[in-house]
Amino acid sequence: MPRGDGTGPVGGGNGKRTGGKAQGAGSQAVKNCVCPNCGKKVSHKPGQPCNQIQCPDCKVVLAPER
């Protein structure tokens, strides 16, 4: 038990702060989805990933525009 004289147990951990907001790969806002086949751009709808939208022209799955 610590008695205020520095003889207490050594604390665990590595001394790094791990708090804060995590940012994953999908954290950046995507404005458009683009067809990798024909290049057609479609406006991105929030909450719906580009890989769940098909190109209206060639029916290929869209990709996020970078």
PDB file of N, CA and C in Angstrom:
ATOM      1  N   MET A   1       0.835  -1.187   0.000  1.00  0.00           N
ATOM      2  CA  MET A   1       0.000   0.000   0.000  1.00  0.00           C
ATOM      3  C   MET A   1       0.877   1.247   0.000  1.00  0.00           C
ATOM      4  N   PRO A   2       0.517   2.238  -0.793  1.00  0.00           N
ATOM      5  CA  PRO A   2       1.300   3.470  -0.795  1.00  0.00           C
ATOM      6  C   PRO A   2       1.129   4.230   0.518  1.00  0.00           C
ATOM      7  N   ARG A   3       2.218   4.751   1.022  1.00  0.00           N
ATOM      8  CA  ARG A   3       2.172   5.532   2.258  1.00  0.00           C
ATOM      9  C   ARG A   3       2.593   6.972   2.027  1.00  0.00           C
ATOM     10  N   GLY A   4       2.650   7.379   0.757  1.00  0.00           N
ATOM     11  CA  GLY A   4       3.059   8.745   0.488  1.00  0.00           C
ATOM     12  C   GLY A   4       4.561   8.927   0.482  1.00  0.00           C
ATOM     13  N   ASP A   5       5.309   7.837   0.659  1.00  0.00           N
ATOM     14  CA  ASP A   5       6.762   7.953   0.683  1.00  0.00           C
ATOM     15  C   ASP A   5       7.427   7.351  -0.545  1.00  0.00           C
ATOM     16  N   GLY A   6       6.616   7.022  -1.570  1.00  0.00           N
ATOM     17  CA  GLY A   6       7.184   6.501  -2.801  1.00  0.00           C
ATOM     18  C   GLY A   6       7.464   5.012  -2.779  1.00  0.00           C
ATOM     19  N   THR A   7       6.999   4.307  -1.756  1.00  0.00           N
ATOM     20  CA  THR A   7       7.263   2.873  -1.686  1.00  0.00           C
ATOM     21  C   THR A   7       6.074   2.033  -2.145  1.00  0.00           C
ATOM     22  N   GLY A   8       5.103   2.650  -2.738  1.00  0.00           N
ATOM     23  CA  GLY A   8       3.906   1.938  -3.193  1.00  0.00           C
ATOM     24  C   GLY A   8       4.180   1.109  -4.432  1.00  0.00           C
ATOM     25  N   PRO A   9       3.172   0.388  -4.883  1.00  0.00           N
ATOM     26  CA  PRO A   9       3.345  -0.446  -6.072  1.00  0.00           C
ATOM     27  C   PRO A   9       3.588   0.395  -7.324  1.00  0.00           C
ATOM     28  N   VAL A  10       4.307  -0.188  -8.240  1.00  0.00           N
ATOM     29  CA  VAL A  10       4.602   0.487  -9.498  1.00  0.00           C
ATOM     30  C   VAL A  10       3.340   0.456 -10.353  1.00  0.00           C
ATOM     31  N   GLY A  11       2.985   1.589 -10.929  1.00  0.00           N
ATOM     32  CA  GLY A  11       1.791   1.651 -11.765  1.00  0.00           C
ATOM     33  C   GLY A  11       1.992   0.931 -13.086  1.00  0.00           C
ATOM     34  N   GLY A  12       0.909   0.380 -13.609  1.00  0.00           N
ATOM     35  CA  GLY A  12       0.990  -0.309 -14.893  1.00  0.00           C
ATOM     36  C   GLY A  12       0.829   0.665 -16.043  1.00  0.00           C
ATOM     37  N   GLY A  13       0.965   0.186 -17.216  1.00  0.00           N
ATOM     38  CA  GLY A  13       0.776   1.030 -18.389  1.00  0.00           C
ATOM     39  C   GLY A  13       2.091   1.493 -18.967  1.00  0.00           C
ATOM     40  N   ASN A  14       1.990   2.064 -20.147  1.00  0.00           N
ATOM     41  CA  ASN A  14       3.200   2.484 -20.840  1.00  0.00           C
ATOM     42  C   ASN A  14       3.375   3.993 -20.872  1.00  0.00           C
ATOM     43  N   GLY A  15       2.505   4.723 -20.178  1.00  0.00           N
ATOM     44  CA  GLY A  15       2.660   6.164 -20.092  1.00  0.00           C
ATOM     45  C   GLY A  15       2.097   6.942 -21.261  1.00  0.00           C
ATOM     46  N   LYS A  16       1.485   6.254 -22.222  1.00  0.00           N
ATOM     47  CA  LYS A  16       0.925   6.946 -23.379  1.00  0.00           C
ATOM     48  C   LYS A  16      -0.552   7.228 -23.147  1.00  0.00           C
ATOM     49  N   ARG A  17      -0.983   8.377 -23.603  1.00  0.00           N
ATOM     50  CA  ARG A  17      -2.402   8.711 -23.515  1.00  0.00           C
ATOM     51  C   ARG A  17      -3.124   8.072 -24.692  1.00  0.00           C
ATOM     52  N   THR A  18      -4.191   7.369 -24.391  1.00  0.00           N
ATOM     53  CA  THR A  18      -4.893   6.654 -25.451  1.00  0.00           C
ATOM     54  C   THR A  18      -6.284   7.210 -25.705  1.00  0.00           C
ATOM     55  N   GLY A  19      -6.650   8.289 -25.065  1.00  0.00           N
ATOM     56  CA  GLY A  19      -7.974   8.868 -25.263  1.00  0.00           C
ATOM     57  C   GLY A  19      -8.066   9.619 -26.567  1.00  0.00           C
ATOM     58  N   GLY A  20      -9.239  10.089 -26.867  1.00  0.00           N
ATOM     59  CA  GLY A  20      -9.435  10.877 -28.073  1.00  0.00           C
ATOM     60  C   GLY A  20     -10.279  10.159 -29.090  1.00  0.00           C
ATOM     61  N   LYS A  21     -10.588  10.841 -30.139  1.00  0.00           N
ATOM     62  CA  LYS A  21     -11.459  10.310 -31.181  1.00  0.00           C
ATOM     63  C   LYS A  21     -10.633   9.548 -32.212  1.00  0.00           C
ATOM     64  N   ALA A  22     -11.021   8.314 -32.448  1.00  0.00           N
ATOM     65  CA  ALA A  22     -10.339   7.506 -33.457  1.00  0.00           C
ATOM     66  C   ALA A  22     -10.815   7.903 -34.845  1.00  0.00           C
ATOM     67  N   GLN A  23      -9.926   7.918 -35.794  1.00  0.00           N
ATOM     68  CA  GLN A  23     -10.276   8.242 -37.168  1.00  0.00           C
ATOM     69  C   GLN A  23      -9.928   7.061 -38.050  1.00  0.00           C
ATOM     70  N   GLY A  24     -10.954   6.426 -38.559  1.00  0.00           N
ATOM     71  CA  GLY A  24     -10.750   5.291 -39.437  1.00  0.00           C
ATOM     72  C   GLY A  24     -10.616   5.711 -40.881  1.00  0.00           C
ATOM     73  N   ALA A  25     -10.539   4.770 -41.725  1.00  0.00           N
ATOM     74  CA  ALA A  25     -10.370   5.022 -43.139  1.00  0.00           C
ATOM     75  C   ALA A  25     -11.556   5.744 -43.736  1.00  0.00           C
ATOM     76  N   GLY A  26     -12.755   5.520 -43.161  1.00  0.00           N
ATOM     77  CA  GLY A  26     -13.939   6.126 -43.707  1.00  0.00           C
ATOM     78  C   GLY A  26     -14.369   7.407 -43.069  1.00  0.00           C
ATOM     79  N   SER A  27     -13.433   8.038 -42.362  1.00  0.00           N
ATOM     80  CA  SER A  27     -13.798   9.218 -41.636  1.00  0.00           C
ATOM     81  C   SER A  27     -13.798  10.497 -42.457  1.00  0.00           C
ATOM     82  N   GLN A  28     -13.240  10.463 -43.635  1.00  0.00           N
ATOM     83  CA  GLN A  28     -13.214  11.640 -44.489  1.00  0.00           C
ATOM     84  C   GLN A  28     -14.490  11.689 -45.310  1.00  0.00           C
ATOM     85  N   ALA A  29     -15.034  12.884 -45.477  1.00  0.00           N
ATOM     86  CA  ALA A  29     -16.274  13.040 -46.224  1.00  0.00           C
ATOM     87  C   ALA A  29     -16.037  12.795 -47.711  1.00  0.00           C
ATOM     88  N   VAL A  30     -16.916  12.003 -48.302  1.00  0.00           N
ATOM     89  CA  VAL A  30     -16.858  11.717 -49.733  1.00  0.00           C
ATOM     90  C   VAL A  30     -17.967  12.517 -50.398  1.00  0.00           C
ATOM     91  N   LYS A  31     -17.637  13.300 -51.418  1.00  0.00           N
ATOM     92  CA  LYS A  31     -18.639  14.111 -52.107  1.00  0.00           C
ATOM     93  C   LYS A  31     -19.282  13.363 -53.254  1.00  0.00           C
ATOM     94  N   ASN A  32     -18.493  12.576 -53.966  1.00  0.00           N
ATOM     95  CA  ASN A  32     -19.004  11.855 -55.126  1.00  0.00           C
ATOM     96  C   ASN A  32     -18.544  10.411 -55.109  1.00  0.00           C
ATOM     97  N   CYS A  33     -19.359   9.578 -55.767  1.00  0.00           N
ATOM     98  CA  CYS A  33     -18.965   8.205 -56.051  1.00  0.00           C
ATOM     99  C   CYS A  33     -18.703   8.168 -57.554  1.00  0.00           C
ATOM    100  N   VAL A  34     -17.676   7.432 -57.953  1.00  0.00           N
ATOM    101  CA  VAL A  34     -17.294   7.409 -59.364  1.00  0.00           C
ATOM    102  C   VAL A  34     -17.244   5.964 -59.866  1.00  0.00           C
ATOM    103  N   CYS A  35     -17.652   5.781 -61.106  1.00  0.00           N
ATOM    104  CA  CYS A  35     -17.627   4.465 -61.731  1.00  0.00           C
ATOM    105  C   CYS A  35     -16.208   4.186 -62.224  1.00  0.00           C
ATOM    106  N   PRO A  36     -15.611   3.067 -61.794  1.00  0.00           N
ATOM    107  CA  PRO A  36     -14.258   2.750 -62.257  1.00  0.00           C
ATOM    108  C   PRO A  36     -14.227   2.321 -63.721  1.00  0.00           C
ATOM    109  N   ASN A  37     -15.388   2.016 -64.283  1.00  0.00           N
ATOM    110  CA  ASN A  37     -15.457   1.544 -65.665  1.00  0.00           C
ATOM    111  C   ASN A  37     -15.602   2.700 -66.658  1.00  0.00           C
ATOM    112  N   CYS A  38     -16.627   3.549 -66.451  1.00  0.00           N
ATOM    113  CA  CYS A  38     -16.893   4.616 -67.421  1.00  0.00           C
ATOM    114  C   CYS A  38     -16.544   6.015 -66.905  1.00  0.00           C
ATOM    115  N   GLY A  39     -16.277   6.158 -65.588  1.00  0.00           N
ATOM    116  CA  GLY A  39     -15.898   7.453 -65.035  1.00  0.00           C
ATOM    117  C   GLY A  39     -17.064   8.341 -64.641  1.00  0.00           C
ATOM    118  N   LYS A  40     -18.299   7.862 -64.760  1.00  0.00           N
ATOM    119  CA  LYS A  40     -19.469   8.670 -64.406  1.00  0.00           C
ATOM    120  C   LYS A  40     -19.464   8.954 -62.909  1.00  0.00           C
ATOM    121  N   LYS A  41     -19.756  10.210 -62.540  1.00  0.00           N
ATOM    122  CA  LYS A  41     -19.806  10.613 -61.140  1.00  0.00           C
ATOM    123  C   LYS A  41     -21.258  10.694 -60.689  1.00  0.00           C
ATOM    124  N   VAL A  42     -21.503  10.171 -59.489  1.00  0.00           N
ATOM    125  CA  VAL A  42     -22.830  10.194 -58.884  1.00  0.00           C
ATOM    126  C   VAL A  42     -22.685  10.840 -57.516  1.00  0.00           C
ATOM    127  N   SER A  43     -23.617  11.714 -57.153  1.00  0.00           N
ATOM    128  CA  SER A  43     -23.581  12.383 -55.860  1.00  0.00           C
ATOM    129  C   SER A  43     -23.680  11.357 -54.731  1.00  0.00           C
ATOM    130  N   HIS A  44     -22.809  11.494 -53.733  1.00  0.00           N
ATOM    131  CA  HIS A  44     -22.789  10.565 -52.602  1.00  0.00           C
ATOM    132  C   HIS A  44     -23.916  10.893 -51.640  1.00  0.00           C
ATOM    133  N   LYS A  45     -24.602   9.861 -51.164  1.00  0.00           N
ATOM    134  CA  LYS A  45     -25.671  10.025 -50.186  1.00  0.00           C
ATOM    135  C   LYS A  45     -25.135   9.617 -48.815  1.00  0.00           C
ATOM    136  N   PRO A  46     -25.242  10.493 -47.808  1.00  0.00           N
ATOM    137  CA  PRO A  46     -24.749  10.149 -46.472  1.00  0.00           C
ATOM    138  C   PRO A  46     -25.421   8.877 -45.946  1.00  0.00           C
ATOM    139  N   GLY A  47     -24.643   8.027 -45.328  1.00  0.00           N
ATOM    140  CA  GLY A  47     -25.162   6.791 -44.766  1.00  0.00           C
ATOM    141  C   GLY A  47     -25.201   5.631 -45.737  1.00  0.00           C
ATOM    142  N   GLN A  48     -24.881   5.871 -46.996  1.00  0.00           N
ATOM    143  CA  GLN A  48     -24.865   4.799 -47.994  1.00  0.00           C
ATOM    144  C   GLN A  48     -23.485   4.759 -48.646  1.00  0.00           C
ATOM    145  N   PRO A  49     -22.704   3.717 -48.371  1.00  0.00           N
ATOM    146  CA  PRO A  49     -21.366   3.620 -48.960  1.00  0.00           C
ATOM    147  C   PRO A  49     -21.418   3.523 -50.480  1.00  0.00           C
ATOM    148  N   CYS A  50     -20.408   4.063 -51.123  1.00  0.00           N
ATOM    149  CA  CYS A  50     -20.339   4.024 -52.589  1.00  0.00           C
ATOM    150  C   CYS A  50     -20.353   2.592 -53.118  1.00  0.00           C
ATOM    151  N   ASN A  51     -19.773   1.658 -52.360  1.00  0.00           N
ATOM    152  CA  ASN A  51     -19.714   0.282 -52.851  1.00  0.00           C
ATOM    153  C   ASN A  51     -21.058  -0.443 -52.762  1.00  0.00           C
ATOM    154  N   GLN A  52     -22.103   0.270 -52.353  1.00  0.00           N
ATOM    155  CA  GLN A  52     -23.454  -0.284 -52.366  1.00  0.00           C
ATOM    156  C   GLN A  52     -24.316   0.379 -53.443  1.00  0.00           C
ATOM    157  N   ILE A  53     -23.697   1.209 -54.276  1.00  0.00           N
ATOM    158  CA  ILE A  53     -24.409   1.914 -55.349  1.00  0.00           C
ATOM    159  C   ILE A  53     -23.872   1.421 -56.684  1.00  0.00           C
ATOM    160  N   GLN A  54     -24.769   1.203 -57.632  1.00  0.00           N
ATOM    161  CA  GLN A  54     -24.357   0.781 -58.973  1.00  0.00           C
ATOM    162  C   GLN A  54     -24.393   1.969 -59.921  1.00  0.00           C
ATOM    163  N   CYS A  55     -23.505   1.950 -60.900  1.00  0.00           N
ATOM    164  CA  CYS A  55     -23.478   2.963 -61.944  1.00  0.00           C
ATOM    165  C   CYS A  55     -24.783   2.868 -62.733  1.00  0.00           C
ATOM    166  N   PRO A  56     -25.452   3.997 -62.953  1.00  0.00           N
ATOM    167  CA  PRO A  56     -26.709   3.957 -63.707  1.00  0.00           C
ATOM    168  C   PRO A  56     -26.517   3.566 -65.171  1.00  0.00           C
ATOM    169  N   ASP A  57     -25.306   3.727 -65.697  1.00  0.00           N
ATOM    170  CA  ASP A  57     -25.062   3.410 -67.105  1.00  0.00           C
ATOM    171  C   ASP A  57     -24.613   1.965 -67.316  1.00  0.00           C
ATOM    172  N   CYS A  58     -23.580   1.532 -66.568  1.00  0.00           N
ATOM    173  CA  CYS A  58     -23.015   0.205 -66.851  1.00  0.00           C
ATOM    174  C   CYS A  58     -23.205  -0.802 -65.719  1.00  0.00           C
ATOM    175  N   LYS A  59     -23.915  -0.426 -64.658  1.00  0.00           N
ATOM    176  CA  LYS A  59     -24.276  -1.334 -63.552  1.00  0.00           C
ATOM    177  C   LYS A  59     -23.077  -1.907 -62.794  1.00  0.00           C
ATOM    178  N   VAL A  60     -21.957  -1.203 -62.813  1.00  0.00           N
ATOM    179  CA  VAL A  60     -20.761  -1.593 -62.071  1.00  0.00           C
ATOM    180  C   VAL A  60     -20.819  -0.905 -60.706  1.00  0.00           C
ATOM    181  N   VAL A  61     -20.301  -1.549 -59.664  1.00  0.00           N
ATOM    182  CA  VAL A  61     -20.281  -0.966 -58.327  1.00  0.00           C
ATOM    183  C   VAL A  61     -19.365   0.257 -58.319  1.00  0.00           C
ATOM    184  N   LEU A  62     -19.835   1.350 -57.703  1.00  0.00           N
ATOM    185  CA  LEU A  62     -19.078   2.601 -57.671  1.00  0.00           C
ATOM    186  C   LEU A  62     -18.013   2.580 -56.580  1.00  0.00           C
ATOM    187  N   ALA A  63     -17.072   3.504 -56.698  1.00  0.00           N
ATOM    188  CA  ALA A  63     -15.991   3.671 -55.726  1.00  0.00           C
ATOM    189  C   ALA A  63     -15.992   5.122 -55.256  1.00  0.00           C
ATOM    190  N   PRO A  64     -15.524   5.389 -54.027  1.00  0.00           N
ATOM    191  CA  PRO A  64     -15.453   6.773 -53.559  1.00  0.00           C
ATOM    192  C   PRO A  64     -14.431   7.577 -54.355  1.00  0.00           C
ATOM    193  N   GLU A  65     -14.771   8.815 -54.650  1.00  0.00           N
ATOM    194  CA  GLU A  65     -13.848   9.700 -55.377  1.00  0.00           C
ATOM    195  C   GLU A  65     -12.813  10.222 -54.399  1.00  0.00           C
ATOM    196  N   ARG A  66     -11.556  10.130 -54.742  1.00  0.00           N
ATOM    197  CA  ARG A  66     -10.466  10.588 -53.860  1.00  0.00           C
ATOM    198  C   ARG A  66      -9.817  11.804 -54.425  1.00  0.00           C
TER     199      ARG A  66
END
